[in-house]
């Protein structure tokens, strides 16, 4: 299967609940392996929160990517990795940027 066929594929947990879609795949070219899969959840949020899973969490790949863990387990693993989709800047730094 080609990587391009995986991007955008729906991801289901072990209870067949839809988690989201595959957004990105990190590949280790030296070892010819997939190191991490990024899932974009189908949720509206002010914060951009993607889930990261490893190939060990994948049960099957077909019409869907089926996982062998639940959505709550993925959420727990990714809580510490949340990164806000904003840049916090000191107002004086903005003035310096605009004058240069």
N, C-alpha and C. Protein backbone atom coordinates (compact mmCIF):
# COMPACT_ATOMS: atom_id res chain seq x y z
N UNK A 1 0.85 -1.18 0.00
CA UNK A 1 0.00 0.00 0.00
C UNK A 1 0.89 1.24 0.00
N UNK A 2 0.50 2.23 -0.75
CA UNK A 2 1.26 3.48 -0.83
C UNK A 2 0.88 4.40 0.32
N UNK A 3 1.84 5.22 0.73
CA UNK A 3 1.59 6.19 1.80
C UNK A 3 0.45 7.12 1.41
N UNK A 4 0.40 7.52 0.16
CA UNK A 4 -0.65 8.44 -0.29
C UNK A 4 -2.04 7.83 -0.13
N UNK A 5 -2.14 6.51 -0.13
CA UNK A 5 -3.43 5.85 0.09
C UNK A 5 -3.82 5.87 1.56
N UNK A 6 -2.84 6.00 2.45
CA UNK A 6 -3.13 6.02 3.88
C UNK A 6 -3.54 7.40 4.38
N UNK A 7 -2.95 8.45 3.81
CA UNK A 7 -3.27 9.81 4.25
C UNK A 7 -4.75 10.08 4.00
N UNK A 8 -5.45 10.52 5.03
CA UNK A 8 -6.88 10.81 4.93
C UNK A 8 -7.77 9.62 5.27
N UNK A 9 -7.17 8.45 5.49
CA UNK A 9 -7.96 7.26 5.83
C UNK A 9 -8.52 7.40 7.24
N UNK A 10 -9.78 6.97 7.43
CA UNK A 10 -10.41 7.04 8.75
C UNK A 10 -9.75 6.06 9.71
N UNK A 11 -9.67 6.48 10.98
CA UNK A 11 -9.06 5.67 12.03
C UNK A 11 -10.13 5.31 13.05
N UNK A 12 -10.23 4.00 13.36
CA UNK A 12 -11.19 3.50 14.34
C UNK A 12 -10.45 2.87 15.51
N UNK A 13 -10.99 3.04 16.73
CA UNK A 13 -10.36 2.40 17.88
C UNK A 13 -10.84 0.96 18.01
N UNK A 14 -10.47 0.29 19.09
CA UNK A 14 -10.81 -1.13 19.24
C UNK A 14 -12.29 -1.38 19.46
N UNK A 15 -13.07 -0.32 19.72
CA UNK A 15 -14.52 -0.44 19.86
C UNK A 15 -15.25 0.08 18.62
N UNK A 16 -14.52 0.28 17.53
CA UNK A 16 -15.05 0.78 16.25
C UNK A 16 -15.58 2.20 16.34
N UNK A 17 -15.08 2.98 17.31
CA UNK A 17 -15.41 4.40 17.38
C UNK A 17 -14.44 5.17 16.49
N UNK A 18 -14.99 6.09 15.70
CA UNK A 18 -14.12 6.87 14.82
C UNK A 18 -13.33 7.87 15.64
N UNK A 19 -12.02 7.87 15.45
CA UNK A 19 -11.13 8.78 16.17
C UNK A 19 -10.80 9.99 15.33
N UNK A 20 -10.60 9.79 14.05
CA UNK A 20 -10.22 10.87 13.15
C UNK A 20 -9.69 10.30 11.85
N UNK A 21 -8.80 11.07 11.22
CA UNK A 21 -8.20 10.64 9.96
C UNK A 21 -6.69 10.77 10.04
N UNK A 22 -6.01 9.94 9.27
CA UNK A 22 -4.54 10.01 9.23
C UNK A 22 -4.14 11.31 8.56
N UNK A 23 -3.33 12.09 9.27
CA UNK A 23 -2.88 13.37 8.74
C UNK A 23 -1.44 13.27 8.21
N UNK A 24 -0.60 12.52 8.92
CA UNK A 24 0.80 12.46 8.55
C UNK A 24 1.39 11.13 9.00
N UNK A 25 2.46 10.72 8.35
CA UNK A 25 3.15 9.48 8.71
C UNK A 25 4.64 9.77 8.73
N UNK A 26 5.29 9.49 9.86
CA UNK A 26 6.73 9.65 9.98
C UNK A 26 7.40 8.33 9.63
N UNK A 27 8.35 8.40 8.71
CA UNK A 27 9.02 7.20 8.23
C UNK A 27 10.50 7.26 8.58
N UNK A 28 11.03 6.15 9.07
CA UNK A 28 12.46 6.02 9.31
C UNK A 28 13.06 5.39 8.05
N UNK A 29 13.71 6.20 7.23
CA UNK A 29 14.22 5.72 5.95
C UNK A 29 15.40 4.76 6.11
N UNK A 30 16.16 4.92 7.17
CA UNK A 30 17.30 4.02 7.38
C UNK A 30 16.84 2.60 7.66
N UNK A 31 15.74 2.47 8.40
CA UNK A 31 15.24 1.14 8.77
C UNK A 31 14.04 0.71 7.93
N UNK A 32 13.57 1.59 7.04
CA UNK A 32 12.39 1.31 6.21
C UNK A 32 11.18 0.93 7.05
N UNK A 33 10.93 1.72 8.10
CA UNK A 33 9.80 1.46 8.98
C UNK A 33 9.02 2.74 9.23
N UNK A 34 7.78 2.57 9.66
CA UNK A 34 6.96 3.71 10.09
C UNK A 34 7.24 3.92 11.57
N UNK A 35 7.62 5.13 11.94
CA UNK A 35 7.92 5.39 13.35
C UNK A 35 6.73 5.97 14.10
N UNK A 36 5.88 6.74 13.41
CA UNK A 36 4.76 7.38 14.09
C UNK A 36 3.69 7.78 13.07
N UNK A 37 2.44 7.72 13.50
CA UNK A 37 1.31 8.12 12.66
C UNK A 37 0.57 9.23 13.40
N UNK A 38 0.32 10.33 12.70
CA UNK A 38 -0.40 11.47 13.29
C UNK A 38 -1.85 11.42 12.84
N UNK A 39 -2.75 11.49 13.82
CA UNK A 39 -4.19 11.45 13.55
C UNK A 39 -4.79 12.81 13.89
N UNK A 40 -5.54 13.34 12.95
CA UNK A 40 -6.26 14.59 13.16
C UNK A 40 -7.68 14.24 13.58
N UNK A 41 -8.06 14.54 14.84
CA UNK A 41 -9.41 14.20 15.29
C UNK A 41 -10.46 15.05 14.59
N UNK A 42 -11.64 14.50 14.47
CA UNK A 42 -12.74 15.21 13.81
C UNK A 42 -13.49 16.06 14.83
N UNK A 43 -12.76 16.89 15.53
CA UNK A 43 -13.37 17.72 16.57
C UNK A 43 -13.04 19.18 16.30
N UNK A 44 -14.00 20.05 16.58
CA UNK A 44 -13.74 21.48 16.50
C UNK A 44 -13.18 21.92 17.84
N UNK A 45 -12.07 22.62 17.79
CA UNK A 45 -11.42 23.04 19.02
C UNK A 45 -10.61 24.29 18.77
N UNK A 46 -10.43 25.08 19.81
CA UNK A 46 -9.58 26.26 19.69
C UNK A 46 -8.11 25.86 19.67
N UNK A 47 -7.82 24.70 20.25
CA UNK A 47 -6.45 24.20 20.27
C UNK A 47 -6.30 23.11 19.22
N UNK A 48 -5.19 23.16 18.53
CA UNK A 48 -4.90 22.12 17.54
C UNK A 48 -4.29 20.94 18.28
N UNK A 49 -5.05 19.87 18.40
CA UNK A 49 -4.59 18.69 19.12
C UNK A 49 -4.65 17.50 18.19
N UNK A 50 -3.49 16.98 17.84
CA UNK A 50 -3.41 15.77 17.03
C UNK A 50 -2.95 14.63 17.91
N UNK A 51 -3.37 13.43 17.58
CA UNK A 51 -2.95 12.25 18.32
C UNK A 51 -1.78 11.60 17.58
N UNK A 52 -0.82 11.12 18.34
CA UNK A 52 0.32 10.39 17.78
C UNK A 52 0.19 8.94 18.21
N UNK A 53 0.28 8.03 17.25
CA UNK A 53 0.24 6.61 17.57
C UNK A 53 1.46 5.93 16.95
N UNK A 54 1.78 4.77 17.48
CA UNK A 54 2.90 3.99 16.95
C UNK A 54 2.34 2.81 16.16
N UNK A 55 3.15 2.21 15.31
CA UNK A 55 2.67 1.05 14.53
C UNK A 55 2.20 -0.11 15.41
N UNK A 56 2.72 -0.23 16.63
CA UNK A 56 2.30 -1.30 17.54
C UNK A 56 0.83 -1.16 17.94
N UNK A 57 0.28 0.03 17.82
CA UNK A 57 -1.12 0.28 18.18
C UNK A 57 -2.08 -0.08 17.04
N UNK A 58 -1.55 -0.40 15.86
CA UNK A 58 -2.37 -0.69 14.69
C UNK A 58 -2.69 -2.18 14.65
N UNK A 59 -3.98 -2.49 14.51
CA UNK A 59 -4.42 -3.87 14.41
C UNK A 59 -4.51 -4.32 12.95
N UNK A 60 -5.21 -3.52 12.12
CA UNK A 60 -5.39 -3.85 10.71
C UNK A 60 -5.48 -2.58 9.88
N UNK A 61 -5.14 -2.73 8.60
CA UNK A 61 -5.32 -1.64 7.64
C UNK A 61 -6.11 -2.18 6.47
N UNK A 62 -7.23 -1.53 6.20
CA UNK A 62 -8.09 -1.91 5.08
C UNK A 62 -8.80 -0.66 4.62
N UNK A 63 -10.13 -0.70 4.61
CA UNK A 63 -10.88 0.51 4.31
C UNK A 63 -10.68 1.54 5.42
N UNK A 64 -10.37 1.06 6.62
CA UNK A 64 -10.09 1.90 7.78
C UNK A 64 -8.77 1.45 8.39
N UNK A 65 -8.18 2.32 9.20
CA UNK A 65 -7.05 1.92 10.02
C UNK A 65 -7.64 1.54 11.38
N UNK A 66 -7.57 0.27 11.73
CA UNK A 66 -8.13 -0.22 12.99
C UNK A 66 -7.04 -0.31 14.04
N UNK A 67 -7.33 0.23 15.22
CA UNK A 67 -6.37 0.21 16.32
C UNK A 67 -6.72 -0.89 17.30
N UNK A 68 -5.74 -1.29 18.09
CA UNK A 68 -5.98 -2.30 19.12
C UNK A 68 -6.07 -1.67 20.51
N UNK A 69 -6.30 -0.35 20.56
CA UNK A 69 -6.48 0.36 21.83
C UNK A 69 -7.69 1.28 21.71
N UNK A 70 -8.17 1.75 22.86
CA UNK A 70 -9.36 2.62 22.86
C UNK A 70 -8.97 4.09 22.71
N UNK A 71 -9.95 4.89 22.38
CA UNK A 71 -9.73 6.33 22.22
C UNK A 71 -9.25 6.96 23.52
N UNK A 72 -9.78 6.49 24.65
CA UNK A 72 -9.37 7.07 25.93
C UNK A 72 -7.89 6.80 26.22
N UNK A 73 -7.38 5.64 25.80
CA UNK A 73 -5.96 5.34 25.99
C UNK A 73 -5.09 6.26 25.13
N UNK A 74 -5.53 6.55 23.93
CA UNK A 74 -4.79 7.46 23.05
C UNK A 74 -4.79 8.86 23.65
N UNK A 75 -5.94 9.29 24.16
CA UNK A 75 -6.05 10.63 24.75
C UNK A 75 -5.11 10.77 25.94
N UNK A 76 -5.02 9.74 26.78
CA UNK A 76 -4.13 9.78 27.94
C UNK A 76 -2.68 9.91 27.51
N UNK A 77 -2.29 9.15 26.50
CA UNK A 77 -0.91 9.18 26.02
C UNK A 77 -0.54 10.53 25.43
N UNK A 78 -1.52 11.24 24.87
CA UNK A 78 -1.23 12.47 24.16
C UNK A 78 -1.52 13.74 24.95
N UNK A 79 -2.02 13.62 26.18
CA UNK A 79 -2.36 14.81 26.97
C UNK A 79 -1.16 15.73 27.16
N UNK A 80 -0.02 15.16 27.42
CA UNK A 80 1.17 15.98 27.67
C UNK A 80 1.75 16.57 26.40
N UNK A 81 1.29 16.12 25.23
CA UNK A 81 1.85 16.58 23.97
C UNK A 81 1.02 17.69 23.32
N UNK A 82 -0.02 18.17 24.00
CA UNK A 82 -0.86 19.20 23.41
C UNK A 82 -0.05 20.47 23.20
N UNK A 83 -0.15 21.01 21.99
CA UNK A 83 0.57 22.23 21.65
C UNK A 83 -0.45 23.23 21.11
N UNK A 84 -0.57 24.39 21.75
CA UNK A 84 -1.53 25.36 21.24
C UNK A 84 -1.11 25.87 19.87
N UNK A 85 -2.09 26.20 19.05
CA UNK A 85 -1.84 26.67 17.70
C UNK A 85 -1.74 28.19 17.67
N UNK A 86 -1.03 28.75 18.64
CA UNK A 86 -0.83 30.20 18.72
C UNK A 86 0.60 30.48 19.15
N UNK A 87 1.04 31.69 18.88
CA UNK A 87 2.35 32.11 19.32
C UNK A 87 2.16 33.21 20.35
N UNK A 88 2.75 33.03 21.52
CA UNK A 88 2.66 34.04 22.57
C UNK A 88 3.85 34.98 22.41
N UNK A 89 3.53 36.28 22.26
CA UNK A 89 4.57 37.26 22.00
C UNK A 89 4.39 38.45 22.94
N UNK A 90 5.50 38.97 23.39
CA UNK A 90 5.50 40.17 24.20
C UNK A 90 5.18 41.36 23.28
N UNK A 91 4.25 42.26 23.66
CA UNK A 91 3.89 43.39 22.79
C UNK A 91 5.08 44.25 22.38
N UNK A 92 6.06 44.41 23.25
CA UNK A 92 7.23 45.21 22.88
C UNK A 92 8.03 44.55 21.76
N UNK A 93 8.02 43.22 21.72
CA UNK A 93 8.70 42.51 20.64
C UNK A 93 8.00 42.76 19.31
N UNK A 94 6.68 42.89 19.34
CA UNK A 94 5.95 43.18 18.11
C UNK A 94 6.34 44.55 17.56
N UNK A 95 6.50 45.52 18.46
CA UNK A 95 6.90 46.86 18.02
C UNK A 95 8.28 46.82 17.39
N UNK A 96 9.19 46.02 17.97
CA UNK A 96 10.54 45.90 17.42
C UNK A 96 10.49 45.26 16.03
N UNK A 97 9.63 44.26 15.85
CA UNK A 97 9.52 43.59 14.56
C UNK A 97 8.99 44.55 13.49
N UNK A 98 8.03 45.38 13.88
CA UNK A 98 7.41 46.30 12.92
C UNK A 98 8.35 47.44 12.51
N UNK A 99 9.25 47.83 13.39
CA UNK A 99 10.15 48.94 13.07
C UNK A 99 11.38 48.48 12.29
N UNK A 100 11.67 47.19 12.30
CA UNK A 100 12.85 46.71 11.57
C UNK A 100 12.54 46.43 10.13
